[in-house]
């Protein structure tokens, strides 16, 4: 499975961006999908995950109420809609897929990673 993340860019505080993660190589049927991010000078952290079976999501604390994760299994694509962005959301965002359907927050629970897409939020 290859993952391609895109949609990053520069946006002003309060703005929105939608990230996409396209999977290729095989269908990601049965795979949990997730987004992580790495802010400058910090370790990679969990943003959100979404189950394949029922589409149930799980969010990191700072993502709740502002970010929405979604997936289109027919298109093998996952999305992260980010609203009311803050400068502290500036990071490289990575999508990941796990060969299971559990909403895991640890990066060790994922088997495939995209290359990352940079999001810069200016104040």
PDB file of N, CA and C in Angstrom:
ATOM      1  N   UNK A   1       0.847  -1.189   0.000  1.00  0.00           N
ATOM      2  CA  UNK A   1       0.000   0.000   0.000  1.00  0.00           C
ATOM      3  C   UNK A   1       0.882   1.238   0.000  1.00  0.00           C
ATOM      4  N   UNK A   2       0.590   2.150  -0.900  1.00  0.00           N
ATOM      5  CA  UNK A   2       1.281   3.445  -0.925  1.00  0.00           C
ATOM      6  C   UNK A   2       0.251   4.517  -0.565  1.00  0.00           C
ATOM      7  N   UNK A   3       0.682   5.436   0.261  1.00  0.00           N
ATOM      8  CA  UNK A   3      -0.196   6.530   0.687  1.00  0.00           C
ATOM      9  C   UNK A   3       0.378   7.847   0.191  1.00  0.00           C
ATOM     10  N   UNK A   4      -0.479   8.663  -0.372  1.00  0.00           N
ATOM     11  CA  UNK A   4      -0.078   9.975  -0.873  1.00  0.00           C
ATOM     12  C   UNK A   4      -0.937  11.030  -0.189  1.00  0.00           C
ATOM     13  N   UNK A   5      -0.297  11.831   0.639  1.00  0.00           N
ATOM     14  CA  UNK A   5      -1.011  12.904   1.330  1.00  0.00           C
ATOM     15  C   UNK A   5      -0.821  14.208   0.572  1.00  0.00           C
ATOM     16  N   UNK A   6      -1.870  14.976   0.471  1.00  0.00           N
ATOM     17  CA  UNK A   6      -1.769  16.269  -0.195  1.00  0.00           C
ATOM     18  C   UNK A   6      -2.846  17.200   0.337  1.00  0.00           C
ATOM     19  N   UNK A   7      -2.738  18.456  -0.044  1.00  0.00           N
ATOM     20  CA  UNK A   7      -3.725  19.438   0.384  1.00  0.00           C
ATOM     21  C   UNK A   7      -3.191  20.464   1.373  1.00  0.00           C
ATOM     22  N   UNK A   8      -1.954  20.286   1.802  1.00  0.00           N
ATOM     23  CA  UNK A   8      -1.382  21.253   2.725  1.00  0.00           C
ATOM     24  C   UNK A   8      -1.119  22.579   2.040  1.00  0.00           C
ATOM     25  N   UNK A   9      -0.756  23.560   2.831  1.00  0.00           N
ATOM     26  CA  UNK A   9      -0.469  24.879   2.297  1.00  0.00           C
ATOM     27  C   UNK A   9      -0.409  25.885   3.418  1.00  0.00           C
ATOM     28  N   UNK A  10      -0.469  27.143   3.032  1.00  0.00           N
ATOM     29  CA  UNK A  10      -0.414  28.214   4.001  1.00  0.00           C
ATOM     30  C   UNK A  10      -1.797  28.850   4.127  1.00  0.00           C
ATOM     31  N   UNK A  11      -2.195  29.090   5.348  1.00  0.00           N
ATOM     32  CA  UNK A  11      -3.505  29.662   5.602  1.00  0.00           C
ATOM     33  C   UNK A  11      -3.402  30.586   6.807  1.00  0.00           C
ATOM     34  N   UNK A  12      -4.255  31.573   6.862  1.00  0.00           N
ATOM     35  CA  UNK A  12      -4.274  32.463   8.015  1.00  0.00           C
ATOM     36  C   UNK A  12      -5.030  31.826   9.170  1.00  0.00           C
ATOM     37  N   UNK A  13      -4.706  32.247  10.357  1.00  0.00           N
ATOM     38  CA  UNK A  13      -5.405  31.762  11.541  1.00  0.00           C
ATOM     39  C   UNK A  13      -6.913  31.977  11.379  1.00  0.00           C
ATOM     40  N   UNK A  14      -7.668  30.959  11.761  1.00  0.00           N
ATOM     41  CA  UNK A  14      -9.115  31.011  11.605  1.00  0.00           C
ATOM     42  C   UNK A  14      -9.606  30.398  10.314  1.00  0.00           C
ATOM     43  N   UNK A  15      -8.678  30.124   9.409  1.00  0.00           N
ATOM     44  CA  UNK A  15      -9.043  29.556   8.116  1.00  0.00           C
ATOM     45  C   UNK A  15      -9.189  28.045   8.165  1.00  0.00           C
ATOM     46  N   UNK A  16      -9.402  27.465   6.988  1.00  0.00           N
ATOM     47  CA  UNK A  16      -9.645  26.032   6.870  1.00  0.00           C
ATOM     48  C   UNK A  16      -8.786  25.426   5.773  1.00  0.00           C
ATOM     49  N   UNK A  17      -8.514  24.155   5.927  1.00  0.00           N
ATOM     50  CA  UNK A  17      -7.853  23.359   4.899  1.00  0.00           C
ATOM     51  C   UNK A  17      -8.434  21.956   4.946  1.00  0.00           C
ATOM     52  N   UNK A  18      -8.416  21.301   3.800  1.00  0.00           N
ATOM     53  CA  UNK A  18      -8.795  19.895   3.769  1.00  0.00           C
ATOM     54  C   UNK A  18      -7.639  19.096   3.208  1.00  0.00           C
ATOM     55  N   UNK A  19      -7.170  18.168   3.994  1.00  0.00           N
ATOM     56  CA  UNK A  19      -6.111  17.262   3.558  1.00  0.00           C
ATOM     57  C   UNK A  19      -6.739  15.986   3.007  1.00  0.00           C
ATOM     58  N   UNK A  20      -6.063  15.423   2.038  1.00  0.00           N
ATOM     59  CA  UNK A  20      -6.506  14.154   1.457  1.00  0.00           C
ATOM     60  C   UNK A  20      -5.370  13.152   1.520  1.00  0.00           C
ATOM     61  N   UNK A  21      -5.734  11.895   1.594  1.00  0.00           N
ATOM     62  CA  UNK A  21      -4.752  10.811   1.606  1.00  0.00           C
ATOM     63  C   UNK A  21      -5.267   9.725   0.680  1.00  0.00           C
ATOM     64  N   UNK A  22      -4.596   9.563  -0.434  1.00  0.00           N
ATOM     65  CA  UNK A  22      -5.013   8.574  -1.419  1.00  0.00           C
ATOM     66  C   UNK A  22      -4.159   7.322  -1.278  1.00  0.00           C
ATOM     67  N   UNK A  23      -4.806   6.182  -1.196  1.00  0.00           N
ATOM     68  CA  UNK A  23      -4.113   4.905  -1.083  1.00  0.00           C
ATOM     69  C   UNK A  23      -4.093   4.216  -2.432  1.00  0.00           C
ATOM     70  N   UNK A  24      -2.981   3.611  -2.740  1.00  0.00           N
ATOM     71  CA  UNK A  24      -2.860   2.857  -3.983  1.00  0.00           C
ATOM     72  C   UNK A  24      -2.094   1.577  -3.711  1.00  0.00           C
ATOM     73  N   UNK A  25      -2.136   0.683  -4.640  1.00  0.00           N
ATOM     74  CA  UNK A  25      -1.430  -0.573  -4.483  1.00  0.00           C
ATOM     75  C   UNK A  25      -2.363  -1.701  -4.127  1.00  0.00           C
ATOM     76  N   UNK A  26      -3.350  -1.375  -3.343  1.00  0.00           N
ATOM     77  CA  UNK A  26      -4.404  -2.330  -3.046  1.00  0.00           C
ATOM     78  C   UNK A  26      -5.509  -1.556  -2.338  1.00  0.00           C
ATOM     79  N   UNK A  27      -6.654  -2.153  -2.256  1.00  0.00           N
ATOM     80  CA  UNK A  27      -7.726  -1.518  -1.537  1.00  0.00           C
ATOM     81  C   UNK A  27      -7.398  -1.476  -0.053  1.00  0.00           C
ATOM     82  N   UNK A  28      -7.856  -0.429   0.612  1.00  0.00           N
ATOM     83  CA  UNK A  28      -7.599  -0.402   2.032  1.00  0.00           C
ATOM     84  C   UNK A  28      -8.813  -0.869   2.825  1.00  0.00           C
ATOM     85  N   UNK A  29      -9.528  -1.777   2.191  1.00  0.00           N
ATOM     86  CA  UNK A  29     -10.642  -2.424   2.875  1.00  0.00           C
ATOM     87  C   UNK A  29     -10.147  -3.105   4.145  1.00  0.00           C
ATOM     88  N   UNK A  30     -10.805  -2.767   5.244  1.00  0.00           N
ATOM     89  CA  UNK A  30     -10.428  -3.366   6.515  1.00  0.00           C
ATOM     90  C   UNK A  30      -9.329  -2.632   7.255  1.00  0.00           C
ATOM     91  N   UNK A  31      -8.752  -1.618   6.668  1.00  0.00           N
ATOM     92  CA  UNK A  31      -7.656  -0.874   7.295  1.00  0.00           C
ATOM     93  C   UNK A  31      -8.206   0.331   8.053  1.00  0.00           C
ATOM     94  N   UNK A  32      -7.695   0.557   9.218  1.00  0.00           N
ATOM     95  CA  UNK A  32      -7.962   1.818   9.901  1.00  0.00           C
ATOM     96  C   UNK A  32      -7.071   2.887   9.266  1.00  0.00           C
ATOM     97  N   UNK A  33      -7.594   4.100   9.170  1.00  0.00           N
ATOM     98  CA  UNK A  33      -6.837   5.226   8.624  1.00  0.00           C
ATOM     99  C   UNK A  33      -6.686   6.280   9.701  1.00  0.00           C
ATOM    100  N   UNK A  34      -5.577   6.980   9.660  1.00  0.00           N
ATOM    101  CA  UNK A  34      -5.314   7.978  10.696  1.00  0.00           C
ATOM    102  C   UNK A  34      -4.483   9.126  10.141  1.00  0.00           C
ATOM    103  N   UNK A  35      -4.517  10.203  10.872  1.00  0.00           N
ATOM    104  CA  UNK A  35      -3.645  11.356  10.617  1.00  0.00           C
ATOM    105  C   UNK A  35      -2.815  11.616  11.874  1.00  0.00           C
ATOM    106  N   UNK A  36      -1.558  11.893  11.643  1.00  0.00           N
ATOM    107  CA  UNK A  36      -0.645  12.332  12.680  1.00  0.00           C
ATOM    108  C   UNK A  36      -0.040  13.648  12.217  1.00  0.00           C
ATOM    109  N   UNK A  37       0.598  14.327  13.132  1.00  0.00           N
ATOM    110  CA  UNK A  37       1.300  15.540  12.743  1.00  0.00           C
ATOM    111  C   UNK A  37       2.581  15.674  13.557  1.00  0.00           C
ATOM    112  N   UNK A  38       3.502  16.425  12.989  1.00  0.00           N
ATOM    113  CA  UNK A  38       4.745  16.721  13.693  1.00  0.00           C
ATOM    114  C   UNK A  38       4.971  18.213  13.620  1.00  0.00           C
ATOM    115  N   UNK A  39       4.783  18.858  14.758  1.00  0.00           N
ATOM    116  CA  UNK A  39       4.999  20.296  14.851  1.00  0.00           C
ATOM    117  C   UNK A  39       6.500  20.565  14.967  1.00  0.00           C
ATOM    118  N   UNK A  40       6.950  21.750  14.577  1.00  0.00           N
ATOM    119  CA  UNK A  40       8.377  22.055  14.634  1.00  0.00           C
ATOM    120  C   UNK A  40       8.958  21.821  16.026  1.00  0.00           C
ATOM    121  N   UNK A  41      10.010  21.027  16.076  1.00  0.00           N
ATOM    122  CA  UNK A  41      10.690  20.776  17.338  1.00  0.00           C
ATOM    123  C   UNK A  41       9.988  19.802  18.265  1.00  0.00           C
ATOM    124  N   UNK A  42       8.924  19.172  17.791  1.00  0.00           N
ATOM    125  CA  UNK A  42       8.172  18.252  18.644  1.00  0.00           C
ATOM    126  C   UNK A  42       8.104  16.868  18.011  1.00  0.00           C
ATOM    127  N   UNK A  43       7.685  15.905  18.807  1.00  0.00           N
ATOM    128  CA  UNK A  43       7.525  14.549  18.303  1.00  0.00           C
ATOM    129  C   UNK A  43       6.209  14.417  17.546  1.00  0.00           C
ATOM    130  N   UNK A  44       6.147  13.406  16.739  1.00  0.00           N
ATOM    131  CA  UNK A  44       4.924  13.133  15.990  1.00  0.00           C
ATOM    132  C   UNK A  44       3.792  12.815  16.963  1.00  0.00           C
ATOM    133  N   UNK A  45       2.604  13.367  16.702  1.00  0.00           N
ATOM    134  CA  UNK A  45       1.481  13.146  17.601  1.00  0.00           C
ATOM    135  C   UNK A  45       0.220  12.784  16.825  1.00  0.00           C
ATOM    136  N   UNK A  46      -0.632  12.086  17.504  1.00  0.00           N
ATOM    137  CA  UNK A  46      -1.883  11.617  16.937  1.00  0.00           C
ATOM    138  C   UNK A  46      -2.853  12.767  16.731  1.00  0.00           C
ATOM    139  N   UNK A  47      -3.525  12.771  15.584  1.00  0.00           N
ATOM    140  CA  UNK A  47      -4.547  13.774  15.298  1.00  0.00           C
ATOM    141  C   UNK A  47      -5.942  13.136  15.325  1.00  0.00           C
ATOM    142  N   UNK A  48      -6.135  12.121  14.480  1.00  0.00           N
ATOM    143  CA  UNK A  48      -7.453  11.492  14.382  1.00  0.00           C
ATOM    144  C   UNK A  48      -7.324  10.161  13.665  1.00  0.00           C
ATOM    145  N   UNK A  49      -8.282   9.296  13.901  1.00  0.00           N
ATOM    146  CA  UNK A  49      -8.341   8.004  13.217  1.00  0.00           C
ATOM    147  C   UNK A  49      -9.788   7.688  12.880  1.00  0.00           C
ATOM    148  N   UNK A  50      -9.963   6.844  11.883  1.00  0.00           N
ATOM    149  CA  UNK A  50     -11.311   6.460  11.475  1.00  0.00           C
ATOM    150  C   UNK A  50     -11.327   4.989  11.106  1.00  0.00           C
ATOM    151  N   UNK A  51     -12.312   4.292  11.628  1.00  0.00           N
ATOM    152  CA  UNK A  51     -12.426   2.865  11.383  1.00  0.00           C
ATOM    153  C   UNK A  51     -12.965   2.599   9.985  1.00  0.00           C
ATOM    154  N   UNK A  52     -12.603   1.442   9.462  1.00  0.00           N
ATOM    155  CA  UNK A  52     -13.132   1.054   8.147  1.00  0.00           C
ATOM    156  C   UNK A  52     -14.552   0.520   8.286  1.00  0.00           C
ATOM    157  N   UNK A  53     -14.808  -0.277   9.316  1.00  0.00           N
ATOM    158  CA  UNK A  53     -16.048  -1.031   9.416  1.00  0.00           C
ATOM    159  C   UNK A  53     -17.278  -0.132   9.516  1.00  0.00           C
ATOM    160  N   UNK A  54     -17.224   0.867  10.397  1.00  0.00           N
ATOM    161  CA  UNK A  54     -18.414   1.701  10.597  1.00  0.00           C
ATOM    162  C   UNK A  54     -18.134   3.183  10.468  1.00  0.00           C
ATOM    163  N   UNK A  55     -16.903   3.523  10.111  1.00  0.00           N
ATOM    164  CA  UNK A  55     -16.565   4.938   9.939  1.00  0.00           C
ATOM    165  C   UNK A  55     -16.501   5.728  11.224  1.00  0.00           C
ATOM    166  N   UNK A  56     -16.436   5.037  12.350  1.00  0.00           N
ATOM    167  CA  UNK A  56     -16.387   5.759  13.617  1.00  0.00           C
ATOM    168  C   UNK A  56     -15.036   6.458  13.756  1.00  0.00           C
ATOM    169  N   UNK A  57     -15.055   7.706  14.224  1.00  0.00           N
ATOM    170  CA  UNK A  57     -13.814   8.465  14.356  1.00  0.00           C
ATOM    171  C   UNK A  57     -13.335   8.544  15.804  1.00  0.00           C
ATOM    172  N   UNK A  58     -12.092   8.915  15.947  1.00  0.00           N
ATOM    173  CA  UNK A  58     -11.536   9.211  17.261  1.00  0.00           C
ATOM    174  C   UNK A  58     -10.545  10.339  17.081  1.00  0.00           C
ATOM    175  N   UNK A  59     -10.573  11.303  17.995  1.00  0.00           N
ATOM    176  CA  UNK A  59      -9.762  12.503  17.840  1.00  0.00           C
ATOM    177  C   UNK A  59      -8.848  12.733  19.022  1.00  0.00           C
ATOM    178  N   UNK A  60      -7.706  13.336  18.703  1.00  0.00           N
ATOM    179  CA  UNK A  60      -6.871  13.862  19.756  1.00  0.00           C
ATOM    180  C   UNK A  60      -7.565  15.073  20.371  1.00  0.00           C
ATOM    181  N   UNK A  61      -7.198  15.409  21.598  1.00  0.00           N
ATOM    182  CA  UNK A  61      -7.920  16.451  22.335  1.00  0.00           C
ATOM    183  C   UNK A  61      -7.968  17.782  21.598  1.00  0.00           C
ATOM    184  N   UNK A  62      -6.852  18.168  20.981  1.00  0.00           N
ATOM    185  CA  UNK A  62      -6.824  19.495  20.358  1.00  0.00           C
ATOM    186  C   UNK A  62      -7.584  19.495  19.029  1.00  0.00           C
ATOM    187  N   UNK A  63      -7.926  18.308  18.503  1.00  0.00           N
ATOM    188  CA  UNK A  63      -8.631  18.216  17.228  1.00  0.00           C
ATOM    189  C   UNK A  63     -10.145  18.210  17.406  1.00  0.00           C
ATOM    190  N   UNK A  64     -10.595  17.882  18.585  1.00  0.00           N
ATOM    191  CA  UNK A  64     -12.033  17.777  18.821  1.00  0.00           C
ATOM    192  C   UNK A  64     -12.716  19.126  18.609  1.00  0.00           C
ATOM    193  N   UNK A  65     -13.775  19.091  17.838  1.00  0.00           N
ATOM    194  CA  UNK A  65     -14.554  20.293  17.585  1.00  0.00           C
ATOM    195  C   UNK A  65     -14.039  21.159  16.452  1.00  0.00           C
ATOM    196  N   UNK A  66     -12.815  20.926  16.008  1.00  0.00           N
ATOM    197  CA  UNK A  66     -12.255  21.729  14.916  1.00  0.00           C
ATOM    198  C   UNK A  66     -11.930  20.882  13.687  1.00  0.00           C
ATOM    199  N   UNK A  67     -11.497  19.658  13.896  1.00  0.00           N
ATOM    200  CA  UNK A  67     -11.093  18.793  12.800  1.00  0.00           C
ATOM    201  C   UNK A  67     -12.126  17.686  12.608  1.00  0.00           C
ATOM    202  N   UNK A  68     -12.285  17.259  11.367  1.00  0.00           N
ATOM    203  CA  UNK A  68     -13.171  16.140  11.054  1.00  0.00           C
ATOM    204  C   UNK A  68     -12.459  15.175  10.123  1.00  0.00           C
ATOM    205  N   UNK A  69     -12.403  13.924  10.526  1.00  0.00           N
ATOM    206  CA  UNK A  69     -11.803  12.894   9.675  1.00  0.00           C
ATOM    207  C   UNK A  69     -12.925  12.149   8.958  1.00  0.00           C
ATOM    208  N   UNK A  70     -12.673  11.805   7.720  1.00  0.00           N
ATOM    209  CA  UNK A  70     -13.654  11.074   6.926  1.00  0.00           C
ATOM    210  C   UNK A  70     -12.914  10.157   5.960  1.00  0.00           C
ATOM    211  N   UNK A  71     -13.640   9.250   5.378  1.00  0.00           N
ATOM    212  CA  UNK A  71     -13.022   8.359   4.392  1.00  0.00           C
ATOM    213  C   UNK A  71     -14.054   7.992   3.337  1.00  0.00           C
ATOM    214  N   UNK A  72     -13.570   7.754   2.142  1.00  0.00           N
ATOM    215  CA  UNK A  72     -14.398   7.262   1.043  1.00  0.00           C
ATOM    216  C   UNK A  72     -13.774   5.955   0.593  1.00  0.00           C
ATOM    217  N   UNK A  73     -14.332   4.865   1.043  1.00  0.00           N
ATOM    218  CA  UNK A  73     -13.726   3.569   0.764  1.00  0.00           C
ATOM    219  C   UNK A  73     -13.744   3.243  -0.730  1.00  0.00           C
ATOM    220  N   UNK A  74     -14.733   3.731  -1.445  1.00  0.00           N
ATOM    221  CA  UNK A  74     -14.792   3.471  -2.884  1.00  0.00           C
ATOM    222  C   UNK A  74     -13.644   4.145  -3.608  1.00  0.00           C
ATOM    223  N   UNK A  75     -13.164   5.264  -3.067  1.00  0.00           N
ATOM    224  CA  UNK A  75     -12.059   5.999  -3.682  1.00  0.00           C
ATOM    225  C   UNK A  75     -10.732   5.722  -3.007  1.00  0.00           C
ATOM    226  N   UNK A  76     -10.733   4.862  -1.997  1.00  0.00           N
ATOM    227  CA  UNK A  76      -9.495   4.582  -1.252  1.00  0.00           C
ATOM    228  C   UNK A  76      -8.839   5.869  -0.758  1.00  0.00           C
ATOM    229  N   UNK A  77      -9.647   6.761  -0.256  1.00  0.00           N
ATOM    230  CA  UNK A  77      -9.153   8.073   0.145  1.00  0.00           C
ATOM    231  C   UNK A  77      -9.692   8.437   1.526  1.00  0.00           C
ATOM    232  N   UNK A  78      -8.810   9.006   2.328  1.00  0.00           N
ATOM    233  CA  UNK A  78      -9.193   9.551   3.632  1.00  0.00           C
ATOM    234  C   UNK A  78      -8.991  11.060   3.602  1.00  0.00           C
ATOM    235  N   UNK A  79      -9.720  11.745   4.453  1.00  0.00           N
ATOM    236  CA  UNK A  79      -9.695  13.204   4.464  1.00  0.00           C
ATOM    237  C   UNK A  79      -9.539  13.707   5.899  1.00  0.00           C
ATOM    238  N   UNK A  80      -9.010  14.898   6.002  1.00  0.00           N
ATOM    239  CA  UNK A  80      -8.980  15.596   7.281  1.00  0.00           C
ATOM    240  C   UNK A  80      -9.389  17.040   7.005  1.00  0.00           C
ATOM    241  N   UNK A  81     -10.589  17.376   7.420  1.00  0.00           N
ATOM    242  CA  UNK A  81     -11.068  18.748   7.310  1.00  0.00           C
ATOM    243  C   UNK A  81     -10.661  19.501   8.563  1.00  0.00           C
ATOM    244  N   UNK A  82      -9.917  20.573   8.391  1.00  0.00           N
ATOM    245  CA  UNK A  82      -9.403  21.330   9.532  1.00  0.00           C
ATOM    246  C   UNK A  82      -9.991  22.738   9.481  1.00  0.00           C
ATOM    247  N   UNK A  83     -10.721  23.086  10.508  1.00  0.00           N
ATOM    248  CA  UNK A  83     -11.354  24.399  10.598  1.00  0.00           C
ATOM    249  C   UNK A  83     -10.801  25.175  11.776  1.00  0.00           C
ATOM    250  N   UNK A  84     -11.016  26.475  11.742  1.00  0.00           N
ATOM    251  CA  UNK A  84     -10.559  27.365  12.827  1.00  0.00           C
ATOM    252  C   UNK A  84      -9.100  27.077  13.179  1.00  0.00           C
ATOM    253  N   UNK A  85      -8.294  27.062  12.168  1.00  0.00           N
ATOM    254  CA  UNK A  85      -6.880  26.730  12.360  1.00  0.00           C
ATOM    255  C   UNK A  85      -6.174  27.788  13.196  1.00  0.00           C
ATOM    256  N   UNK A  86      -5.197  27.320  13.947  1.00  0.00           N
ATOM    257  CA  UNK A  86      -4.403  28.176  14.831  1.00  0.00           C
ATOM    258  C   UNK A  86      -2.940  28.068  14.427  1.00  0.00           C
ATOM    259  N   UNK A  87      -2.148  29.066  14.760  1.00  0.00           N
ATOM    260  CA  UNK A  87      -0.709  28.978  14.443  1.00  0.00           C
ATOM    261  C   UNK A  87      -0.053  27.725  15.021  1.00  0.00           C
ATOM    262  N   UNK A  88      -0.522  27.274  16.157  1.00  0.00           N
ATOM    263  CA  UNK A  88       0.066  26.067  16.758  1.00  0.00           C
ATOM    264  C   UNK A  88      -0.314  24.784  16.027  1.00  0.00           C
ATOM    265  N   UNK A  89      -1.189  24.883  15.036  1.00  0.00           N
ATOM    266  CA  UNK A  89      -1.482  23.732  14.183  1.00  0.00           C
ATOM    267  C   UNK A  89      -0.453  23.577  13.060  1.00  0.00           C
ATOM    268  N   UNK A  90       0.465  24.526  12.963  1.00  0.00           N
ATOM    269  CA  UNK A  90       1.517  24.429  11.956  1.00  0.00           C
ATOM    270  C   UNK A  90       2.322  23.155  12.175  1.00  0.00           C
ATOM    271  N   UNK A  91       2.398  22.327  11.133  1.00  0.00           N
ATOM    272  CA  UNK A  91       3.050  21.026  11.274  1.00  0.00           C
ATOM    273  C   UNK A  91       3.095  20.344   9.913  1.00  0.00           C
ATOM    274  N   UNK A  92       3.875  19.293   9.855  1.00  0.00           N
ATOM    275  CA  UNK A  92       3.778  18.354   8.743  1.00  0.00           C
ATOM    276  C   UNK A  92       2.753  17.303   9.143  1.00  0.00           C
ATOM    277  N   UNK A  93       1.750  17.126   8.309  1.00  0.00           N
ATOM    278  CA  UNK A  93       0.674  16.168   8.588  1.00  0.00           C
ATOM    279  C   UNK A  93       0.908  14.902   7.769  1.00  0.00           C
ATOM    280  N   UNK A  94       0.829  13.779   8.453  1.00  0.00           N
ATOM    281  CA  UNK A  94       1.047  12.477   7.834  1.00  0.00           C
ATOM    282  C   UNK A  94      -0.224  11.640   7.914  1.00  0.00           C
ATOM    283  N   UNK A  95      -0.513  10.935   6.836  1.00  0.00           N
ATOM    284  CA  UNK A  95      -1.579   9.954   6.930  1.00  0.00           C
ATOM    285  C   UNK A  95      -0.960   8.577   7.113  1.00  0.00           C
ATOM    286  N   UNK A  96      -1.714   7.695   7.728  1.00  0.00           N
ATOM    287  CA  UNK A  96      -1.222   6.366   8.037  1.00  0.00           C
ATOM    288  C   UNK A  96      -2.356   5.366   7.915  1.00  0.00           C
ATOM    289  N   UNK A  97      -1.983   4.127   7.645  1.00  0.00           N
ATOM    290  CA  UNK A  97      -2.958   3.047   7.558  1.00  0.00           C
ATOM    291  C   UNK A  97      -2.479   1.870   8.385  1.00  0.00           C
ATOM    292  N   UNK A  98      -3.398   1.258   9.079  1.00  0.00           N
ATOM    293  CA  UNK A  98      -3.062   0.089   9.881  1.00  0.00           C
ATOM    294  C   UNK A  98      -3.829  -1.123   9.396  1.00  0.00           C
ATOM    295  N   UNK A  99      -3.150  -2.269   9.413  1.00  0.00           N
ATOM    296  CA  UNK A  99      -3.768  -3.512   8.928  1.00  0.00           C
ATOM    297  C   UNK A  99      -4.619  -4.115  10.048  1.00  0.00           C
ATOM    298  N   UNK A 100      -5.562  -3.348  10.471  1.00  0.00           N
ATOM    299  CA  UNK A 100      -6.511  -3.747  11.504  1.00  0.00           C
ATOM    300  C   UNK A 100      -7.592  -2.689  11.499  1.00  0.00           C
ATOM    301  N   UNK A 101      -8.545  -2.786  12.375  1.00  0.00           N
ATOM    302  CA  UNK A 101      -9.626  -1.802  12.396  1.00  0.00           C
ATOM    303  C   UNK A 101      -9.832  -1.240  13.786  1.00  0.00           C
ATOM    304  N   UNK A 102      -8.728  -1.031  14.492  1.00  0.00           N
ATOM    305  CA  UNK A 102      -8.799  -0.476  15.840  1.00  0.00           C
ATOM    306  C   UNK A 102      -8.349   0.975  15.818  1.00  0.00           C
ATOM    307  N   UNK A 103      -8.993   1.808  16.611  1.00  0.00           N
ATOM    308  CA  UNK A 103      -8.667   3.239  16.663  1.00  0.00           C
ATOM    309  C   UNK A 103      -7.493   3.451  17.612  1.00  0.00           C
ATOM    310  N   UNK A 104      -6.307   3.231  17.083  1.00  0.00           N
ATOM    311  CA  UNK A 104      -5.072   3.279  17.864  1.00  0.00           C
ATOM    312  C   UNK A 104      -4.474   4.672  17.795  1.00  0.00           C
ATOM    313  N   UNK A 105      -3.993   5.179  18.916  1.00  0.00           N
ATOM    314  CA  UNK A 105      -3.407   6.520  18.928  1.00  0.00           C
ATOM    315  C   UNK A 105      -1.884   6.491  18.809  1.00  0.00           C
ATOM    316  N   UNK A 106      -1.289   5.354  19.000  1.00  0.00           N
ATOM    317  CA  UNK A 106       0.165   5.259  18.906  1.00  0.00           C
ATOM    318  C   UNK A 106       0.587   5.064  17.452  1.00  0.00           C
ATOM    319  N   UNK A 107       1.653   5.741  17.065  1.00  0.00           N
ATOM    320  CA  UNK A 107       2.156   5.588  15.704  1.00  0.00           C
ATOM    321  C   UNK A 107       2.627   4.167  15.435  1.00  0.00           C
ATOM    322  N   UNK A 108       2.946   3.437  16.481  1.00  0.00           N
ATOM    323  CA  UNK A 108       3.392   2.049  16.312  1.00  0.00           C
ATOM    324  C   UNK A 108       2.255   1.147  15.850  1.00  0.00           C
ATOM    325  N   UNK A 109       1.044   1.625  15.928  1.00  0.00           N
ATOM    326  CA  UNK A 109      -0.086   0.817  15.517  1.00  0.00           C
ATOM    327  C   UNK A 109      -0.409   0.906  14.039  1.00  0.00           C
ATOM    328  N   UNK A 110       0.437   1.588  13.285  1.00  0.00           N
ATOM    329  CA  UNK A 110       0.177   1.790  11.862  1.00  0.00           C
ATOM    330  C   UNK A 110       1.309   1.224  11.036  1.00  0.00           C
ATOM    331  N   UNK A 111       0.949   0.672   9.890  1.00  0.00           N
ATOM    332  CA  UNK A 111       1.896  -0.078   9.090  1.00  0.00           C
ATOM    333  C   UNK A 111       2.384   0.675   7.853  1.00  0.00           C
ATOM    334  N   UNK A 112       1.583   1.610   7.385  1.00  0.00           N
ATOM    335  CA  UNK A 112       1.931   2.332   6.167  1.00  0.00           C
ATOM    336  C   UNK A 112       1.791   3.836   6.434  1.00  0.00           C
ATOM    337  N   UNK A 113       2.703   4.584   5.836  1.00  0.00           N
ATOM    338  CA  UNK A 113       2.739   6.030   6.057  1.00  0.00           C
ATOM    339  C   UNK A 113       2.879   6.759   4.736  1.00  0.00           C
ATOM    340  N   UNK A 114       2.206   7.898   4.646  1.00  0.00           N
ATOM    341  CA  UNK A 114       2.410   8.794   3.530  1.00  0.00           C
ATOM    342  C   UNK A 114       3.621   9.678   3.796  1.00  0.00           C
ATOM    343  N   UNK A 115       3.950  10.502   2.838  1.00  0.00           N
ATOM    344  CA  UNK A 115       5.173  11.298   2.905  1.00  0.00           C
ATOM    345  C   UNK A 115       5.005  12.590   3.682  1.00  0.00           C
ATOM    346  N   UNK A 116       3.806  12.963   4.029  1.00  0.00           N
ATOM    347  CA  UNK A 116       3.584  14.184   4.788  1.00  0.00           C
ATOM    348  C   UNK A 116       3.277  15.370   3.898  1.00  0.00           C
ATOM    349  N   UNK A 117       2.453  16.246   4.421  1.00  0.00           N
ATOM    350  CA  UNK A 117       2.130  17.484   3.721  1.00  0.00           C
ATOM    351  C   UNK A 117       2.178  18.617   4.738  1.00  0.00           C
ATOM    352  N   UNK A 118       2.819  19.715   4.364  1.00  0.00           N
ATOM    353  CA  UNK A 118       3.075  20.798   5.295  1.00  0.00           C
ATOM    354  C   UNK A 118       1.883  21.741   5.372  1.00  0.00           C
ATOM    355  N   UNK A 119       1.474  22.027   6.587  1.00  0.00           N
ATOM    356  CA  UNK A 119       0.433  23.018   6.859  1.00  0.00           C
ATOM    357  C   UNK A 119       1.065  24.140   7.669  1.00  0.00           C
ATOM    358  N   UNK A 120       0.935  25.347   7.173  1.00  0.00           N
ATOM    359  CA  UNK A 120       1.480  26.514   7.860  1.00  0.00           C
ATOM    360  C   UNK A 120       0.334  27.481   8.135  1.00  0.00           C
ATOM    361  N   UNK A 121       0.160  27.811   9.409  1.00  0.00           N
ATOM    362  CA  UNK A 121      -0.905  28.728   9.797  1.00  0.00           C
ATOM    363  C   UNK A 121      -0.268  30.003  10.309  1.00  0.00           C
ATOM    364  N   UNK A 122      -0.543  31.086   9.656  1.00  0.00           N
ATOM    365  CA  UNK A 122       0.041  32.365  10.043  1.00  0.00           C
ATOM    366  C   UNK A 122      -0.922  33.135  10.940  1.00  0.00           C
ATOM    367  N   UNK A 123      -0.342  33.911  11.824  1.00  0.00           N
ATOM    368  CA  UNK A 123      -1.169  34.682  12.772  1.00  0.00           C
ATOM    369  C   UNK A 123      -1.574  36.030  12.196  1.00  0.00           C
TER     370      UNK A 123
END
